[in-house]
């Protein structure tokens, strides 16, 4: 089993989808903590990345990866089976990691 860590960017096959879920095989950021990722669980929590910039969506984090601008769609969080991972592409920067964690804490605050 390939070691996948929090904040890795992986190419993920998201199909099949239903309704307004983000579709296709696309990069996604691993959101689940390493205690979950490195365990025997076969699921991961991911946030898909998109090149469609929505400047006024508070649940989106701007990202620059491989010289392409995009956003991490935290409003599209989902649990996936590890078999949906095609390959690992890299990792988001520490600044982007902080932005992701900040927005997640706001989203899930009491």
C-alpha atoms as a PDB file:
ATOM      1  CA  UNK A   1       0.000   0.000   0.000  1.00  0.00           C
ATOM      2  CA  UNK A   2       1.363   3.427  -1.011  1.00  0.00           C
ATOM      3  CA  UNK A   3       1.852   5.833   1.901  1.00  0.00           C
ATOM      4  CA  UNK A   4      -0.453   8.778   1.397  1.00  0.00           C
ATOM      5  CA  UNK A   5      -0.131  11.733   3.743  1.00  0.00           C
ATOM      6  CA  UNK A   6      -2.260  14.693   4.682  1.00  0.00           C
ATOM      7  CA  UNK A   7      -1.892  17.563   2.189  1.00  0.00           C
ATOM      8  CA  UNK A   8      -0.600  15.303  -0.592  1.00  0.00           C
ATOM      9  CA  UNK A   9      -2.079  16.072  -3.990  1.00  0.00           C
ATOM     10  CA  UNK A  10      -3.234  12.908  -5.717  1.00  0.00           C
ATOM     11  CA  UNK A  11      -4.852  12.258  -9.058  1.00  0.00           C
ATOM     12  CA  UNK A  12      -8.246  10.794  -8.111  1.00  0.00           C
ATOM     13  CA  UNK A  13     -10.949   9.156 -10.211  1.00  0.00           C
ATOM     14  CA  UNK A  14     -14.167  10.722  -8.872  1.00  0.00           C
ATOM     15  CA  UNK A  15     -16.578   9.032 -11.286  1.00  0.00           C
ATOM     16  CA  UNK A  16     -19.302   7.973 -10.973  1.00  0.00           C
ATOM     17  CA  UNK A  17     -20.847  11.048  -9.418  1.00  0.00           C
ATOM     18  CA  UNK A  18     -24.378  12.282  -8.790  1.00  0.00           C
ATOM     19  CA  UNK A  19     -25.855  15.750  -9.256  1.00  0.00           C
ATOM     20  CA  UNK A  20     -23.537  18.678  -8.554  1.00  0.00           C
ATOM     21  CA  UNK A  21     -20.569  16.634  -7.317  1.00  0.00           C
ATOM     22  CA  UNK A  22     -17.242  17.448  -8.992  1.00  0.00           C
ATOM     23  CA  UNK A  23     -16.647  14.918 -11.738  1.00  0.00           C
ATOM     24  CA  UNK A  24     -13.773  13.359 -13.700  1.00  0.00           C
ATOM     25  CA  UNK A  25     -10.303  12.209 -12.793  1.00  0.00           C
ATOM     26  CA  UNK A  26      -8.651  15.254 -11.271  1.00  0.00           C
ATOM     27  CA  UNK A  27      -6.168  16.340  -8.618  1.00  0.00           C
ATOM     28  CA  UNK A  28      -7.428  16.331  -5.045  1.00  0.00           C
ATOM     29  CA  UNK A  29      -5.886  17.230  -1.703  1.00  0.00           C
ATOM     30  CA  UNK A  30      -5.816  14.620   1.049  1.00  0.00           C
ATOM     31  CA  UNK A  31      -7.596  16.192   4.035  1.00  0.00           C
ATOM     32  CA  UNK A  32      -7.805  13.244   6.430  1.00  0.00           C
ATOM     33  CA  UNK A  33      -5.194  13.188   9.216  1.00  0.00           C
ATOM     34  CA  UNK A  34      -2.167  10.899   8.956  1.00  0.00           C
ATOM     35  CA  UNK A  35      -3.450   8.786  11.855  1.00  0.00           C
ATOM     36  CA  UNK A  36      -6.265   7.782   9.506  1.00  0.00           C
ATOM     37  CA  UNK A  37      -4.212   7.759   6.280  1.00  0.00           C
ATOM     38  CA  UNK A  38      -1.486   5.483   7.633  1.00  0.00           C
ATOM     39  CA  UNK A  39      -3.880   3.061   9.339  1.00  0.00           C
ATOM     40  CA  UNK A  40      -5.485   0.006   7.806  1.00  0.00           C
ATOM     41  CA  UNK A  41      -8.554   2.004   6.794  1.00  0.00           C
ATOM     42  CA  UNK A  42      -9.248   1.840   3.087  1.00  0.00           C
ATOM     43  CA  UNK A  43     -10.843   5.275   2.951  1.00  0.00           C
ATOM     44  CA  UNK A  44      -9.421   8.784   2.754  1.00  0.00           C
ATOM     45  CA  UNK A  45     -11.061  12.202   3.012  1.00  0.00           C
ATOM     46  CA  UNK A  46     -10.261  14.404   0.037  1.00  0.00           C
ATOM     47  CA  UNK A  47     -11.061  17.852  -1.346  1.00  0.00           C
ATOM     48  CA  UNK A  48     -11.074  18.043  -5.148  1.00  0.00           C
ATOM     49  CA  UNK A  49      -9.136  20.758  -6.942  1.00  0.00           C
ATOM     50  CA  UNK A  50     -10.634  22.782  -9.756  1.00  0.00           C
ATOM     51  CA  UNK A  51      -9.350  25.284 -12.282  1.00  0.00           C
ATOM     52  CA  UNK A  52     -12.711  27.120 -12.159  1.00  0.00           C
ATOM     53  CA  UNK A  53     -11.985  30.094  -9.918  1.00  0.00           C
ATOM     54  CA  UNK A  54     -14.915  31.196  -7.735  1.00  0.00           C
ATOM     55  CA  UNK A  55     -13.543  34.322  -6.009  1.00  0.00           C
ATOM     56  CA  UNK A  56     -16.473  34.796  -3.641  1.00  0.00           C
ATOM     57  CA  UNK A  57     -16.821  31.212  -2.381  1.00  0.00           C
ATOM     58  CA  UNK A  58     -15.588  31.239   1.242  1.00  0.00           C
ATOM     59  CA  UNK A  59     -15.102  27.457   1.165  1.00  0.00           C
ATOM     60  CA  UNK A  60     -12.522  27.571  -1.627  1.00  0.00           C
ATOM     61  CA  UNK A  61      -8.759  27.934  -1.123  1.00  0.00           C
ATOM     62  CA  UNK A  62      -6.630  29.406  -3.887  1.00  0.00           C
ATOM     63  CA  UNK A  63      -3.754  27.195  -4.950  1.00  0.00           C
ATOM     64  CA  UNK A  64      -0.896  27.340  -7.440  1.00  0.00           C
ATOM     65  CA  UNK A  65       0.278  23.869  -8.446  1.00  0.00           C
ATOM     66  CA  UNK A  66       2.626  23.077 -11.310  1.00  0.00           C
ATOM     67  CA  UNK A  67       2.275  26.686 -12.533  1.00  0.00           C
ATOM     68  CA  UNK A  68      -1.528  26.380 -12.774  1.00  0.00           C
ATOM     69  CA  UNK A  69      -3.933  28.498 -10.731  1.00  0.00           C
ATOM     70  CA  UNK A  70      -6.920  26.808  -9.195  1.00  0.00           C
ATOM     71  CA  UNK A  71      -8.865  26.246  -6.018  1.00  0.00           C
ATOM     72  CA  UNK A  72      -9.272  23.511  -3.455  1.00  0.00           C
ATOM     73  CA  UNK A  73     -13.026  22.920  -3.121  1.00  0.00           C
ATOM     74  CA  UNK A  74     -13.577  22.349   0.602  1.00  0.00           C
ATOM     75  CA  UNK A  75     -17.336  22.476  -0.073  1.00  0.00           C
ATOM     76  CA  UNK A  76     -16.889  19.218  -2.014  1.00  0.00           C
ATOM     77  CA  UNK A  77     -15.215  17.127   0.734  1.00  0.00           C
ATOM     78  CA  UNK A  78     -15.772  13.430   0.317  1.00  0.00           C
ATOM     79  CA  UNK A  79     -14.579  10.094   1.594  1.00  0.00           C
ATOM     80  CA  UNK A  80     -13.137   7.870  -1.111  1.00  0.00           C
ATOM     81  CA  UNK A  81     -11.786   4.356  -1.307  1.00  0.00           C
ATOM     82  CA  UNK A  82      -8.011   4.195  -1.822  1.00  0.00           C
ATOM     83  CA  UNK A  83      -8.615   2.388  -5.120  1.00  0.00           C
ATOM     84  CA  UNK A  84      -9.743   5.737  -6.611  1.00  0.00           C
ATOM     85  CA  UNK A  85      -6.170   7.110  -6.265  1.00  0.00           C
ATOM     86  CA  UNK A  86      -4.386   6.986  -9.628  1.00  0.00           C
ATOM     87  CA  UNK A  87      -1.071   8.463  -8.465  1.00  0.00           C
ATOM     88  CA  UNK A  88       0.518  11.005  -6.130  1.00  0.00           C
ATOM     89  CA  UNK A  89       1.418  14.326  -7.766  1.00  0.00           C
ATOM     90  CA  UNK A  90       2.992  16.390  -4.968  1.00  0.00           C
ATOM     91  CA  UNK A  91       1.954  18.406  -1.933  1.00  0.00           C
ATOM     92  CA  UNK A  92       0.419  21.808  -1.237  1.00  0.00           C
ATOM     93  CA  UNK A  93       2.605  24.519   0.313  1.00  0.00           C
ATOM     94  CA  UNK A  94       2.675  25.163   4.051  1.00  0.00           C
ATOM     95  CA  UNK A  95       0.852  28.471   3.541  1.00  0.00           C
ATOM     96  CA  UNK A  96      -1.912  26.699   1.602  1.00  0.00           C
ATOM     97  CA  UNK A  97      -2.059  24.002   4.301  1.00  0.00           C
ATOM     98  CA  UNK A  98      -2.652  26.731   6.900  1.00  0.00           C
ATOM     99  CA  UNK A  99      -5.394  28.287   4.743  1.00  0.00           C
ATOM    100  CA  UNK A 100      -7.111  24.891   4.350  1.00  0.00           C
ATOM    101  CA  UNK A 101      -7.022  24.204   8.096  1.00  0.00           C
ATOM    102  CA  UNK A 102      -8.304  27.709   8.876  1.00  0.00           C
ATOM    103  CA  UNK A 103     -11.306  27.392   6.559  1.00  0.00           C
ATOM    104  CA  UNK A 104     -12.058  23.863   7.824  1.00  0.00           C
ATOM    105  CA  UNK A 105     -12.037  25.136  11.414  1.00  0.00           C
ATOM    106  CA  UNK A 106     -14.515  27.862  10.440  1.00  0.00           C
ATOM    107  CA  UNK A 107     -16.701  25.384   8.539  1.00  0.00           C
ATOM    108  CA  UNK A 108     -16.893  22.957  11.439  1.00  0.00           C
ATOM    109  CA  UNK A 109     -16.958  25.427  14.350  1.00  0.00           C
ATOM    110  CA  UNK A 110     -19.771  25.242  16.852  1.00  0.00           C
END
